[in-house]
């Protein structure tokens, strides 16, 4: 969820309070809180894993959250480790925001993997 949704659900604006409240409401769940230009945090109720953004010149942020979420879920399905999933998701989002539009801005996996290898 994003920070606005987190505030709507919990009543808190602070990222840590949002995550703690979500973990209390849903103790068997794991969460990813996206923070826009401040990155993202994964929380499983015990451990928090932070991922910073990849700084780019954004032209359109329309699909940033959806791209991040899609890549995050794909990483889970592939059995990747959480830090690697977060990094891949952040890289995919950083590519998407450099392009106009929604669906057409989402990069293919090969492009994201190549960009990660270049870093």
PDB file of N, CA and C in Angstrom:
ATOM      1  N   UNK A   1       0.830  -1.164   0.000  1.00  0.00           N
ATOM      2  CA  UNK A   1       0.000   0.000   0.000  1.00  0.00           C
ATOM      3  C   UNK A   1       0.875   1.228   0.000  1.00  0.00           C
ATOM      4  N   UNK A   2       0.302   2.351  -0.421  1.00  0.00           N
ATOM      5  CA  UNK A   2       1.087   3.577  -0.393  1.00  0.00           C
ATOM      6  C   UNK A   2       0.798   4.330   0.897  1.00  0.00           C
ATOM      7  N   UNK A   3       1.561   5.382   1.145  1.00  0.00           N
ATOM      8  CA  UNK A   3       1.440   6.090   2.417  1.00  0.00           C
ATOM      9  C   UNK A   3       0.075   6.744   2.610  1.00  0.00           C
ATOM     10  N   UNK A   4      -0.573   7.165   1.540  1.00  0.00           N
ATOM     11  CA  UNK A   4      -1.909   7.754   1.654  1.00  0.00           C
ATOM     12  C   UNK A   4      -2.914   6.680   2.068  1.00  0.00           C
ATOM     13  N   UNK A   5      -2.839   5.527   1.427  1.00  0.00           N
ATOM     14  CA  UNK A   5      -3.718   4.414   1.809  1.00  0.00           C
ATOM     15  C   UNK A   5      -3.445   3.974   3.240  1.00  0.00           C
ATOM     16  N   UNK A   6      -2.163   3.943   3.611  1.00  0.00           N
ATOM     17  CA  UNK A   6      -1.796   3.579   4.975  1.00  0.00           C
ATOM     18  C   UNK A   6      -2.412   4.519   5.993  1.00  0.00           C
ATOM     19  N   UNK A   7      -2.390   5.812   5.705  1.00  0.00           N
ATOM     20  CA  UNK A   7      -3.004   6.785   6.610  1.00  0.00           C
ATOM     21  C   UNK A   7      -4.517   6.604   6.666  1.00  0.00           C
ATOM     22  N   UNK A   8      -5.127   6.341   5.523  1.00  0.00           N
ATOM     23  CA  UNK A   8      -6.578   6.138   5.496  1.00  0.00           C
ATOM     24  C   UNK A   8      -6.993   4.922   6.323  1.00  0.00           C
ATOM     25  N   UNK A   9      -6.205   3.879   6.289  1.00  0.00           N
ATOM     26  CA  UNK A   9      -6.531   2.650   7.012  1.00  0.00           C
ATOM     27  C   UNK A   9      -6.245   2.783   8.504  1.00  0.00           C
ATOM     28  N   UNK A  10      -5.129   3.429   8.850  1.00  0.00           N
ATOM     29  CA  UNK A  10      -4.683   3.442  10.250  1.00  0.00           C
ATOM     30  C   UNK A  10      -4.937   4.747  10.992  1.00  0.00           C
ATOM     31  N   UNK A  11      -5.065   5.838  10.256  1.00  0.00           N
ATOM     32  CA  UNK A  11      -5.202   7.143  10.892  1.00  0.00           C
ATOM     33  C   UNK A  11      -3.869   7.797  11.213  1.00  0.00           C
ATOM     34  N   UNK A  12      -2.754   7.153  10.861  1.00  0.00           N
ATOM     35  CA  UNK A  12      -1.420   7.689  11.140  1.00  0.00           C
ATOM     36  C   UNK A  12      -0.745   8.170   9.868  1.00  0.00           C
ATOM     37  N   UNK A  13       0.099   9.200  10.011  1.00  0.00           N
ATOM     38  CA  UNK A  13       0.889   9.696   8.886  1.00  0.00           C
ATOM     39  C   UNK A  13       2.317   9.158   8.911  1.00  0.00           C
ATOM     40  N   UNK A  14       2.828   8.890  10.094  1.00  0.00           N
ATOM     41  CA  UNK A  14       4.195   8.406  10.250  1.00  0.00           C
ATOM     42  C   UNK A  14       4.314   6.983   9.723  1.00  0.00           C
ATOM     43  N   UNK A  15       5.330   6.735   8.900  1.00  0.00           N
ATOM     44  CA  UNK A  15       5.485   5.425   8.254  1.00  0.00           C
ATOM     45  C   UNK A  15       5.616   4.279   9.246  1.00  0.00           C
ATOM     46  N   UNK A  16       6.366   4.486  10.319  1.00  0.00           N
ATOM     47  CA  UNK A  16       6.546   3.416  11.297  1.00  0.00           C
ATOM     48  C   UNK A  16       5.248   3.126  12.052  1.00  0.00           C
ATOM     49  N   UNK A  17       4.509   4.165  12.363  1.00  0.00           N
ATOM     50  CA  UNK A  17       3.226   3.969  13.045  1.00  0.00           C
ATOM     51  C   UNK A  17       2.221   3.273  12.128  1.00  0.00           C
ATOM     52  N   UNK A  18       2.258   3.620  10.841  1.00  0.00           N
ATOM     53  CA  UNK A  18       1.382   2.938   9.874  1.00  0.00           C
ATOM     54  C   UNK A  18       1.703   1.445   9.867  1.00  0.00           C
ATOM     55  N   UNK A  19       2.969   1.106   9.732  1.00  0.00           N
ATOM     56  CA  UNK A  19       3.372  -0.303   9.657  1.00  0.00           C
ATOM     57  C   UNK A  19       3.043  -1.049  10.944  1.00  0.00           C
ATOM     58  N   UNK A  20       3.294  -0.432  12.084  1.00  0.00           N
ATOM     59  CA  UNK A  20       2.985  -1.084  13.359  1.00  0.00           C
ATOM     60  C   UNK A  20       1.484  -1.309  13.513  1.00  0.00           C
ATOM     61  N   UNK A  21       0.683  -0.316  13.126  1.00  0.00           N
ATOM     62  CA  UNK A  21      -0.773  -0.450  13.222  1.00  0.00           C
ATOM     63  C   UNK A  21      -1.288  -1.523  12.262  1.00  0.00           C
ATOM     64  N   UNK A  22      -0.714  -1.589  11.064  1.00  0.00           N
ATOM     65  CA  UNK A  22      -1.129  -2.620  10.110  1.00  0.00           C
ATOM     66  C   UNK A  22      -0.785  -4.006  10.636  1.00  0.00           C
ATOM     67  N   UNK A  23       0.391  -4.146  11.232  1.00  0.00           N
ATOM     68  CA  UNK A  23       0.809  -5.438  11.782  1.00  0.00           C
ATOM     69  C   UNK A  23      -0.077  -5.840  12.954  1.00  0.00           C
ATOM     70  N   UNK A  24      -0.534  -4.860  13.718  1.00  0.00           N
ATOM     71  CA  UNK A  24      -1.430  -5.164  14.833  1.00  0.00           C
ATOM     72  C   UNK A  24      -2.800  -5.600  14.326  1.00  0.00           C
ATOM     73  N   UNK A  25      -3.300  -4.921  13.286  1.00  0.00           N
ATOM     74  CA  UNK A  25      -4.616  -5.271  12.713  1.00  0.00           C
ATOM     75  C   UNK A  25      -4.584  -6.603  11.969  1.00  0.00           C
ATOM     76  N   UNK A  26      -3.461  -6.865  11.306  1.00  0.00           N
ATOM     77  CA  UNK A  26      -3.329  -8.056  10.459  1.00  0.00           C
ATOM     78  C   UNK A  26      -2.045  -8.792  10.834  1.00  0.00           C
ATOM     79  N   UNK A  27      -2.027  -9.489  11.968  1.00  0.00           N
ATOM     80  CA  UNK A  27      -0.781 -10.058  12.496  1.00  0.00           C
ATOM     81  C   UNK A  27      -0.140 -11.143  11.636  1.00  0.00           C
ATOM     82  N   UNK A  28      -0.883 -11.761  10.748  1.00  0.00           N
ATOM     83  CA  UNK A  28      -0.315 -12.818   9.918  1.00  0.00           C
ATOM     84  C   UNK A  28       0.112 -12.332   8.537  1.00  0.00           C
ATOM     85  N   UNK A  29       0.032 -11.013   8.312  1.00  0.00           N
ATOM     86  CA  UNK A  29       0.337 -10.458   6.996  1.00  0.00           C
ATOM     87  C   UNK A  29       1.718  -9.820   6.968  1.00  0.00           C
ATOM     88  N   UNK A  30       2.229  -9.657   5.770  1.00  0.00           N
ATOM     89  CA  UNK A  30       3.446  -8.898   5.512  1.00  0.00           C
ATOM     90  C   UNK A  30       3.039  -7.692   4.672  1.00  0.00           C
ATOM     91  N   UNK A  31       3.764  -6.604   4.807  1.00  0.00           N
ATOM     92  CA  UNK A  31       3.371  -5.362   4.148  1.00  0.00           C
ATOM     93  C   UNK A  31       4.529  -4.728   3.412  1.00  0.00           C
ATOM     94  N   UNK A  32       4.186  -4.015   2.357  1.00  0.00           N
ATOM     95  CA  UNK A  32       5.120  -3.112   1.708  1.00  0.00           C
ATOM     96  C   UNK A  32       4.433  -1.764   1.678  1.00  0.00           C
ATOM     97  N   UNK A  33       5.089  -0.785   2.267  1.00  0.00           N
ATOM     98  CA  UNK A  33       4.583   0.582   2.274  1.00  0.00           C
ATOM     99  C   UNK A  33       5.451   1.391   1.322  1.00  0.00           C
ATOM    100  N   UNK A  34       4.836   1.871   0.230  1.00  0.00           N
ATOM    101  CA  UNK A  34       5.581   2.704  -0.705  1.00  0.00           C
ATOM    102  C   UNK A  34       5.476   4.158  -0.265  1.00  0.00           C
ATOM    103  N   UNK A  35       6.590   4.863  -0.392  1.00  0.00           N
ATOM    104  CA  UNK A  35       6.703   6.229   0.132  1.00  0.00           C
ATOM    105  C   UNK A  35       7.068   7.237  -0.948  1.00  0.00           C
ATOM    106  N   UNK A  36       6.734   6.938  -2.191  1.00  0.00           N
ATOM    107  CA  UNK A  36       7.069   7.856  -3.275  1.00  0.00           C
ATOM    108  C   UNK A  36       8.566   8.060  -3.369  1.00  0.00           C
ATOM    109  N   UNK A  37       8.986   9.316  -3.372  1.00  0.00           N
ATOM    110  CA  UNK A  37      10.406   9.626  -3.525  1.00  0.00           C
ATOM    111  C   UNK A  37      11.232   9.280  -2.288  1.00  0.00           C
ATOM    112  N   UNK A  38      10.569   8.813  -1.219  1.00  0.00           N
ATOM    113  CA  UNK A  38      11.283   8.399  -0.007  1.00  0.00           C
ATOM    114  C   UNK A  38      11.513   6.897   0.054  1.00  0.00           C
ATOM    115  N   UNK A  39      11.188   6.171  -1.023  1.00  0.00           N
ATOM    116  CA  UNK A  39      11.484   4.751  -1.074  1.00  0.00           C
ATOM    117  C   UNK A  39      10.320   3.865  -0.686  1.00  0.00           C
ATOM    118  N   UNK A  40      10.640   2.712  -0.100  1.00  0.00           N
ATOM    119  CA  UNK A  40       9.630   1.730   0.301  1.00  0.00           C
ATOM    120  C   UNK A  40      10.169   0.917   1.473  1.00  0.00           C
ATOM    121  N   UNK A  41       9.233   0.396   2.259  1.00  0.00           N
ATOM    122  CA  UNK A  41       9.606  -0.429   3.412  1.00  0.00           C
ATOM    123  C   UNK A  41       8.765  -1.702   3.401  1.00  0.00           C
ATOM    124  N   UNK A  42       9.446  -2.822   3.539  1.00  0.00           N
ATOM    125  CA  UNK A  42       8.787  -4.118   3.732  1.00  0.00           C
ATOM    126  C   UNK A  42       8.763  -4.392   5.227  1.00  0.00           C
ATOM    127  N   UNK A  43       7.659  -4.929   5.728  1.00  0.00           N
ATOM    128  CA  UNK A  43       7.552  -5.241   7.156  1.00  0.00           C
ATOM    129  C   UNK A  43       6.758  -6.520   7.324  1.00  0.00           C
ATOM    130  N   UNK A  44       7.354  -7.470   8.034  1.00  0.00           N
ATOM    131  CA  UNK A  44       6.681  -8.750   8.271  1.00  0.00           C
ATOM    132  C   UNK A  44       6.216  -8.900   9.720  1.00  0.00           C
ATOM    133  N   UNK A  45       6.195  -7.792  10.457  1.00  0.00           N
ATOM    134  CA  UNK A  45       5.811  -7.814  11.861  1.00  0.00           C
ATOM    135  C   UNK A  45       6.998  -7.917  12.796  1.00  0.00           C
ATOM    136  N   UNK A  46       8.162  -8.284  12.245  1.00  0.00           N
ATOM    137  CA  UNK A  46       9.387  -8.404  13.036  1.00  0.00           C
ATOM    138  C   UNK A  46      10.511  -7.573  12.440  1.00  0.00           C
ATOM    139  N   UNK A  47      10.706  -7.732  11.155  1.00  0.00           N
ATOM    140  CA  UNK A  47      11.828  -7.091  10.482  1.00  0.00           C
ATOM    141  C   UNK A  47      11.331  -6.089   9.439  1.00  0.00           C
ATOM    142  N   UNK A  48      11.974  -4.913   9.425  1.00  0.00           N
ATOM    143  CA  UNK A  48      11.697  -3.902   8.413  1.00  0.00           C
ATOM    144  C   UNK A  48      12.884  -3.859   7.461  1.00  0.00           C
ATOM    145  N   UNK A  49      12.582  -3.859   6.170  1.00  0.00           N
ATOM    146  CA  UNK A  49      13.620  -3.779   5.149  1.00  0.00           C
ATOM    147  C   UNK A  49      13.318  -2.555   4.295  1.00  0.00           C
ATOM    148  N   UNK A  50      14.253  -1.600   4.272  1.00  0.00           N
ATOM    149  CA  UNK A  50      14.074  -0.358   3.530  1.00  0.00           C
ATOM    150  C   UNK A  50      14.727  -0.442   2.162  1.00  0.00           C
ATOM    151  N   UNK A  51      14.077   0.161   1.177  1.00  0.00           N
ATOM    152  CA  UNK A  51      14.661   0.293  -0.160  1.00  0.00           C
ATOM    153  C   UNK A  51      14.546   1.747  -0.587  1.00  0.00           C
ATOM    154  N   UNK A  52      15.668   2.353  -0.890  1.00  0.00           N
ATOM    155  CA  UNK A  52      15.680   3.718  -1.397  1.00  0.00           C
ATOM    156  C   UNK A  52      15.271   3.705  -2.871  1.00  0.00           C
ATOM    157  N   UNK A  53      15.005   4.885  -3.397  1.00  0.00           N
ATOM    158  CA  UNK A  53      14.684   4.992  -4.815  1.00  0.00           C
ATOM    159  C   UNK A  53      15.966   5.020  -5.633  1.00  0.00           C
ATOM    160  N   UNK A  54      15.828   4.785  -6.921  1.00  0.00           N
ATOM    161  CA  UNK A  54      16.897   5.036  -7.878  1.00  0.00           C
ATOM    162  C   UNK A  54      16.572   6.406  -8.456  1.00  0.00           C
ATOM    163  N   UNK A  55      17.455   7.359  -8.257  1.00  0.00           N
ATOM    164  CA  UNK A  55      17.168   8.738  -8.673  1.00  0.00           C
ATOM    165  C   UNK A  55      17.231   8.866 -10.186  1.00  0.00           C
ATOM    166  N   UNK A  56      16.134   9.383 -10.725  1.00  0.00           N
ATOM    167  CA  UNK A  56      16.012   9.626 -12.162  1.00  0.00           C
ATOM    168  C   UNK A  56      15.245  10.930 -12.361  1.00  0.00           C
ATOM    169  N   UNK A  57      15.217  11.404 -13.580  1.00  0.00           N
ATOM    170  CA  UNK A  57      14.396  12.569 -13.912  1.00  0.00           C
ATOM    171  C   UNK A  57      13.014  12.040 -14.304  1.00  0.00           C
ATOM    172  N   UNK A  58      12.052  12.188 -13.396  1.00  0.00           N
ATOM    173  CA  UNK A  58      10.702  11.677 -13.637  1.00  0.00           C
ATOM    174  C   UNK A  58       9.946  12.606 -14.582  1.00  0.00           C
ATOM    175  N   UNK A  59       9.248  11.996 -15.535  1.00  0.00           N
ATOM    176  CA  UNK A  59       8.388  12.763 -16.443  1.00  0.00           C
ATOM    177  C   UNK A  59       6.913  12.453 -16.230  1.00  0.00           C
ATOM    178  N   UNK A  60       6.613  11.268 -15.688  1.00  0.00           N
ATOM    179  CA  UNK A  60       5.213  10.878 -15.456  1.00  0.00           C
ATOM    180  C   UNK A  60       5.204   9.745 -14.426  1.00  0.00           C
ATOM    181  N   UNK A  61       4.608   9.998 -13.275  1.00  0.00           N
ATOM    182  CA  UNK A  61       4.595   8.994 -12.206  1.00  0.00           C
ATOM    183  C   UNK A  61       3.333   8.132 -12.205  1.00  0.00           C
ATOM    184  N   UNK A  62       2.551   8.219 -13.260  1.00  0.00           N
ATOM    185  CA  UNK A  62       1.262   7.525 -13.316  1.00  0.00           C
ATOM    186  C   UNK A  62       1.343   6.049 -12.929  1.00  0.00           C
ATOM    187  N   UNK A  63       2.275   5.316 -13.454  1.00  0.00           N
ATOM    188  CA  UNK A  63       2.314   3.861 -13.234  1.00  0.00           C
ATOM    189  C   UNK A  63       3.361   3.422 -12.218  1.00  0.00           C
ATOM    190  N   UNK A  64       3.933   4.355 -11.480  1.00  0.00           N
ATOM    191  CA  UNK A  64       5.028   4.002 -10.566  1.00  0.00           C
ATOM    192  C   UNK A  64       4.607   2.970  -9.529  1.00  0.00           C
ATOM    193  N   UNK A  65       3.517   3.201  -8.841  1.00  0.00           N
ATOM    194  CA  UNK A  65       3.066   2.279  -7.801  1.00  0.00           C
ATOM    195  C   UNK A  65       2.645   0.932  -8.348  1.00  0.00           C
ATOM    196  N   UNK A  66       1.928   0.945  -9.453  1.00  0.00           N
ATOM    197  CA  UNK A  66       1.503  -0.318 -10.062  1.00  0.00           C
ATOM    198  C   UNK A  66       2.700  -1.120 -10.564  1.00  0.00           C
ATOM    199  N   UNK A  67       3.683  -0.432 -11.117  1.00  0.00           N
ATOM    200  CA  UNK A  67       4.899  -1.115 -11.571  1.00  0.00           C
ATOM    201  C   UNK A  67       5.622  -1.740 -10.388  1.00  0.00           C
ATOM    202  N   UNK A  68       5.783  -0.969  -9.324  1.00  0.00           N
ATOM    203  CA  UNK A  68       6.450  -1.484  -8.126  1.00  0.00           C
ATOM    204  C   UNK A  68       5.723  -2.722  -7.616  1.00  0.00           C
ATOM    205  N   UNK A  69       4.411  -2.630  -7.470  1.00  0.00           N
ATOM    206  CA  UNK A  69       3.619  -3.735  -6.930  1.00  0.00           C
ATOM    207  C   UNK A  69       3.695  -4.970  -7.820  1.00  0.00           C
ATOM    208  N   UNK A  70       3.596  -4.774  -9.121  1.00  0.00           N
ATOM    209  CA  UNK A  70       3.671  -5.901 -10.045  1.00  0.00           C
ATOM    210  C   UNK A  70       5.007  -6.615  -9.973  1.00  0.00           C
ATOM    211  N   UNK A  71       6.080  -5.842  -9.942  1.00  0.00           N
ATOM    212  CA  UNK A  71       7.408  -6.442  -9.832  1.00  0.00           C
ATOM    213  C   UNK A  71       7.616  -7.085  -8.465  1.00  0.00           C
ATOM    214  N   UNK A  72       7.047  -6.489  -7.430  1.00  0.00           N
ATOM    215  CA  UNK A  72       7.173  -7.090  -6.106  1.00  0.00           C
ATOM    216  C   UNK A  72       6.485  -8.465  -6.083  1.00  0.00           C
ATOM    217  N   UNK A  73       5.273  -8.533  -6.581  1.00  0.00           N
ATOM    218  CA  UNK A  73       4.555  -9.811  -6.608  1.00  0.00           C
ATOM    219  C   UNK A  73       5.265 -10.841  -7.489  1.00  0.00           C
ATOM    220  N   UNK A  74       5.788 -10.384  -8.617  1.00  0.00           N
ATOM    221  CA  UNK A  74       6.531 -11.302  -9.494  1.00  0.00           C
ATOM    222  C   UNK A  74       7.756 -11.858  -8.770  1.00  0.00           C
ATOM    223  N   UNK A  75       8.429 -11.015  -8.007  1.00  0.00           N
ATOM    224  CA  UNK A  75       9.589 -11.478  -7.242  1.00  0.00           C
ATOM    225  C   UNK A  75       9.214 -12.509  -6.196  1.00  0.00           C
ATOM    226  N   UNK A  76       8.085 -12.290  -5.529  1.00  0.00           N
ATOM    227  CA  UNK A  76       7.609 -13.286  -4.559  1.00  0.00           C
ATOM    228  C   UNK A  76       7.321 -14.612  -5.239  1.00  0.00           C
ATOM    229  N   UNK A  77       6.647 -14.558  -6.374  1.00  0.00           N
ATOM    230  CA  UNK A  77       6.305 -15.775  -7.119  1.00  0.00           C
ATOM    231  C   UNK A  77       7.570 -16.511  -7.547  1.00  0.00           C
ATOM    232  N   UNK A  78       8.596 -15.762  -7.906  1.00  0.00           N
ATOM    233  CA  UNK A  78       9.867 -16.362  -8.339  1.00  0.00           C
ATOM    234  C   UNK A  78      10.708 -16.853  -7.170  1.00  0.00           C
ATOM    235  N   UNK A  79      10.273 -16.584  -5.937  1.00  0.00           N
ATOM    236  CA  UNK A  79      10.993 -17.065  -4.763  1.00  0.00           C
ATOM    237  C   UNK A  79      12.237 -16.256  -4.413  1.00  0.00           C
ATOM    238  N   UNK A  80      12.277 -15.024  -4.861  1.00  0.00           N
ATOM    239  CA  UNK A  80      13.434 -14.163  -4.580  1.00  0.00           C
ATOM    240  C   UNK A  80      13.430 -13.717  -3.123  1.00  0.00           C
ATOM    241  N   UNK A  81      14.579 -13.278  -2.648  1.00  0.00           N
ATOM    242  CA  UNK A  81      14.711 -12.721  -1.304  1.00  0.00           C
ATOM    243  C   UNK A  81      14.141 -11.304  -1.284  1.00  0.00           C
ATOM    244  N   UNK A  82      13.576 -10.908  -0.148  1.00  0.00           N
ATOM    245  CA  UNK A  82      12.913  -9.609  -0.029  1.00  0.00           C
ATOM    246  C   UNK A  82      13.820  -8.440  -0.433  1.00  0.00           C
ATOM    247  N   UNK A  83      15.054  -8.335   0.036  1.00  0.00           N
ATOM    248  CA  UNK A  83      15.874  -7.196  -0.402  1.00  0.00           C
ATOM    249  C   UNK A  83      16.054  -7.140  -1.926  1.00  0.00           C
ATOM    250  N   UNK A  84      16.197  -8.299  -2.554  1.00  0.00           N
ATOM    251  CA  UNK A  84      16.348  -8.350  -4.009  1.00  0.00           C
ATOM    252  C   UNK A  84      15.052  -7.956  -4.707  1.00  0.00           C
ATOM    253  N   UNK A  85      13.932  -8.380  -4.151  1.00  0.00           N
ATOM    254  CA  UNK A  85      12.631  -8.010  -4.722  1.00  0.00           C
ATOM    255  C   UNK A  85      12.432  -6.499  -4.635  1.00  0.00           C
ATOM    256  N   UNK A  86      12.738  -5.934  -3.492  1.00  0.00           N
ATOM    257  CA  UNK A  86      12.568  -4.489  -3.318  1.00  0.00           C
ATOM    258  C   UNK A  86      13.453  -3.725  -4.295  1.00  0.00           C
ATOM    259  N   UNK A  87      14.676  -4.162  -4.450  1.00  0.00           N
ATOM    260  CA  UNK A  87      15.610  -3.497  -5.367  1.00  0.00           C
ATOM    261  C   UNK A  87      15.097  -3.567  -6.804  1.00  0.00           C
ATOM    262  N   UNK A  88      14.645  -4.752  -7.224  1.00  0.00           N
ATOM    263  CA  UNK A  88      14.106  -4.931  -8.573  1.00  0.00           C
ATOM    264  C   UNK A  88      12.865  -4.059  -8.773  1.00  0.00           C
ATOM    265  N   UNK A  89      11.991  -4.026  -7.791  1.00  0.00           N
ATOM    266  CA  UNK A  89      10.758  -3.246  -7.885  1.00  0.00           C
ATOM    267  C   UNK A  89      11.050  -1.757  -7.979  1.00  0.00           C
ATOM    268  N   UNK A  90      12.001  -1.294  -7.182  1.00  0.00           N
ATOM    269  CA  UNK A  90      12.385   0.119  -7.219  1.00  0.00           C
ATOM    270  C   UNK A  90      13.016   0.482  -8.565  1.00  0.00           C
ATOM    271  N   UNK A  91      13.835  -0.414  -9.095  1.00  0.00           N
ATOM    272  CA  UNK A  91      14.462  -0.153 -10.398  1.00  0.00           C
ATOM    273  C   UNK A  91      13.404  -0.092 -11.491  1.00  0.00           C
ATOM    274  N   UNK A  92      12.463  -1.031 -11.469  1.00  0.00           N
ATOM    275  CA  UNK A  92      11.388  -1.034 -12.472  1.00  0.00           C
ATOM    276  C   UNK A  92      10.585   0.264 -12.404  1.00  0.00           C
ATOM    277  N   UNK A  93      10.265   0.704 -11.203  1.00  0.00           N
ATOM    278  CA  UNK A  93       9.517   1.959 -11.042  1.00  0.00           C
ATOM    279  C   UNK A  93      10.322   3.144 -11.534  1.00  0.00           C
ATOM    280  N   UNK A  94      11.637   3.119 -11.269  1.00  0.00           N
ATOM    281  CA  UNK A  94      12.472   4.235 -11.707  1.00  0.00           C
ATOM    282  C   UNK A  94      12.519   4.329 -13.233  1.00  0.00           C
ATOM    283  N   UNK A  95      12.431   3.209 -13.895  1.00  0.00           N
ATOM    284  CA  UNK A  95      12.388   3.211 -15.361  1.00  0.00           C
ATOM    285  C   UNK A  95      11.023   3.719 -15.827  1.00  0.00           C
ATOM    286  N   UNK A  96       9.967   3.239 -15.204  1.00  0.00           N
ATOM    287  CA  UNK A  96       8.606   3.615 -15.614  1.00  0.00           C
ATOM    288  C   UNK A  96       8.368   5.117 -15.536  1.00  0.00           C
ATOM    289  N   UNK A  97       8.879   5.763 -14.496  1.00  0.00           N
ATOM    290  CA  UNK A  97       8.601   7.197 -14.332  1.00  0.00           C
ATOM    291  C   UNK A  97       9.370   8.077 -15.312  1.00  0.00           C
ATOM    292  N   UNK A  98      10.301   7.504 -16.062  1.00  0.00           N
ATOM    293  CA  UNK A  98      11.020   8.283 -17.071  1.00  0.00           C
ATOM    294  C   UNK A  98      10.278   8.303 -18.398  1.00  0.00           C
ATOM    295  N   UNK A  99       9.111   7.655 -18.428  1.00  0.00           N
ATOM    296  CA  UNK A  99       8.324   7.536 -19.661  1.00  0.00           C
ATOM    297  C   UNK A  99       6.916   8.073 -19.434  1.00  0.00           C
ATOM    298  N   UNK A 100       6.314   8.541 -20.494  1.00  0.00           N
ATOM    299  CA  UNK A 100       4.926   9.003 -20.409  1.00  0.00           C
ATOM    300  C   UNK A 100       3.958   7.837 -20.485  1.00  0.00           C
ATOM    301  N   UNK A 101       2.826   8.005 -19.820  1.00  0.00           N
ATOM    302  CA  UNK A 101       1.756   7.027 -19.914  1.00  0.00           C
ATOM    303  C   UNK A 101       1.780   6.003 -18.805  1.00  0.00           C
ATOM    304  N   UNK A 102       0.861   5.059 -18.929  1.00  0.00           N
ATOM    305  CA  UNK A 102       0.722   4.041 -17.891  1.00  0.00           C
ATOM    306  C   UNK A 102       1.292   2.712 -18.379  1.00  0.00           C
ATOM    307  N   UNK A 103       0.480   1.917 -19.023  1.00  0.00           N
ATOM    308  CA  UNK A 103       0.900   0.571 -19.416  1.00  0.00           C
ATOM    309  C   UNK A 103       2.179   0.594 -20.258  1.00  0.00           C
ATOM    310  N   UNK A 104       2.253   1.502 -21.197  1.00  0.00           N
ATOM    311  CA  UNK A 104       3.424   1.538 -22.085  1.00  0.00           C
ATOM    312  C   UNK A 104       4.703   1.962 -21.373  1.00  0.00           C
ATOM    313  N   UNK A 105       4.591   2.512 -20.169  1.00  0.00           N
ATOM    314  CA  UNK A 105       5.796   2.928 -19.442  1.00  0.00           C
ATOM    315  C   UNK A 105       6.416   1.795 -18.627  1.00  0.00           C
ATOM    316  N   UNK A 106       5.682   0.714 -18.431  1.00  0.00           N
ATOM    317  CA  UNK A 106       6.175  -0.382 -17.594  1.00  0.00           C
ATOM    318  C   UNK A 106       7.243  -1.172 -18.348  1.00  0.00           C
ATOM    319  N   UNK A 107       8.438  -1.261 -17.773  1.00  0.00           N
ATOM    320  CA  UNK A 107       9.529  -1.956 -18.473  1.00  0.00           C
ATOM    321  C   UNK A 107       9.387  -3.474 -18.413  1.00  0.00           C
ATOM    322  N   UNK A 108       9.928  -4.123 -19.403  1.00  0.00           N
ATOM    323  CA  UNK A 108       9.975  -5.590 -19.423  1.00  0.00           C
ATOM    324  C   UNK A 108      11.059  -6.061 -18.448  1.00  0.00           C
ATOM    325  N   UNK A 109      10.913  -7.285 -17.968  1.00  0.00           N
ATOM    326  CA  UNK A 109      11.835  -7.834 -16.979  1.00  0.00           C
ATOM    327  C   UNK A 109      13.290  -7.796 -17.456  1.00  0.00           C
ATOM    328  N   UNK A 110      13.525  -8.127 -18.721  1.00  0.00           N
ATOM    329  CA  UNK A 110      14.881  -8.132 -19.263  1.00  0.00           C
ATOM    330  C   UNK A 110      15.522  -6.753 -19.164  1.00  0.00           C
ATOM    331  N   UNK A 111      14.726  -5.724 -19.404  1.00  0.00           N
ATOM    332  CA  UNK A 111      15.243  -4.350 -19.306  1.00  0.00           C
ATOM    333  C   UNK A 111      15.621  -4.003 -17.865  1.00  0.00           C
ATOM    334  N   UNK A 112      14.778  -4.410 -16.930  1.00  0.00           N
ATOM    335  CA  UNK A 112      15.046  -4.138 -15.519  1.00  0.00           C
ATOM    336  C   UNK A 112      16.290  -4.893 -15.079  1.00  0.00           C
ATOM    337  N   UNK A 113      16.409  -6.157 -15.456  1.00  0.00           N
ATOM    338  CA  UNK A 113      17.572  -6.956 -15.074  1.00  0.00           C
ATOM    339  C   UNK A 113      18.859  -6.367 -15.661  1.00  0.00           C
ATOM    340  N   UNK A 114      18.782  -5.894 -16.908  1.00  0.00           N
ATOM    341  CA  UNK A 114      19.956  -5.279 -17.529  1.00  0.00           C
ATOM    342  C   UNK A 114      20.344  -3.991 -16.807  1.00  0.00           C
ATOM    343  N   UNK A 115      19.354  -3.212 -16.422  1.00  0.00           N
ATOM    344  CA  UNK A 115      19.622  -1.968 -15.690  1.00  0.00           C
ATOM    345  C   UNK A 115      20.214  -2.235 -14.320  1.00  0.00           C
ATOM    346  N   UNK A 116      19.747  -3.288 -13.660  1.00  0.00           N
ATOM    347  CA  UNK A 116      20.299  -3.652 -12.353  1.00  0.00           C
ATOM    348  C   UNK A 116      21.744  -4.128 -12.498  1.00  0.00           C
ATOM    349  N   UNK A 117      22.025  -4.862 -13.538  1.00  0.00           N
ATOM    350  CA  UNK A 117      23.391  -5.343 -13.780  1.00  0.00           C
ATOM    351  C   UNK A 117      24.352  -4.209 -14.069  1.00  0.00           C
ATOM    352  N   UNK A 118      23.830  -3.144 -14.659  1.00  0.00           N
ATOM    353  CA  UNK A 118      24.669  -1.993 -15.012  1.00  0.00           C
ATOM    354  C   UNK A 118      25.001  -1.136 -13.803  1.00  0.00           C
ATOM    355  N   UNK A 119      24.217  -1.249 -12.729  1.00  0.00           N
ATOM    356  CA  UNK A 119      24.459  -0.443 -11.514  1.00  0.00           C
ATOM    357  C   UNK A 119      25.637  -0.947 -10.720  1.00  0.00           C
TER     358      UNK A 119
END
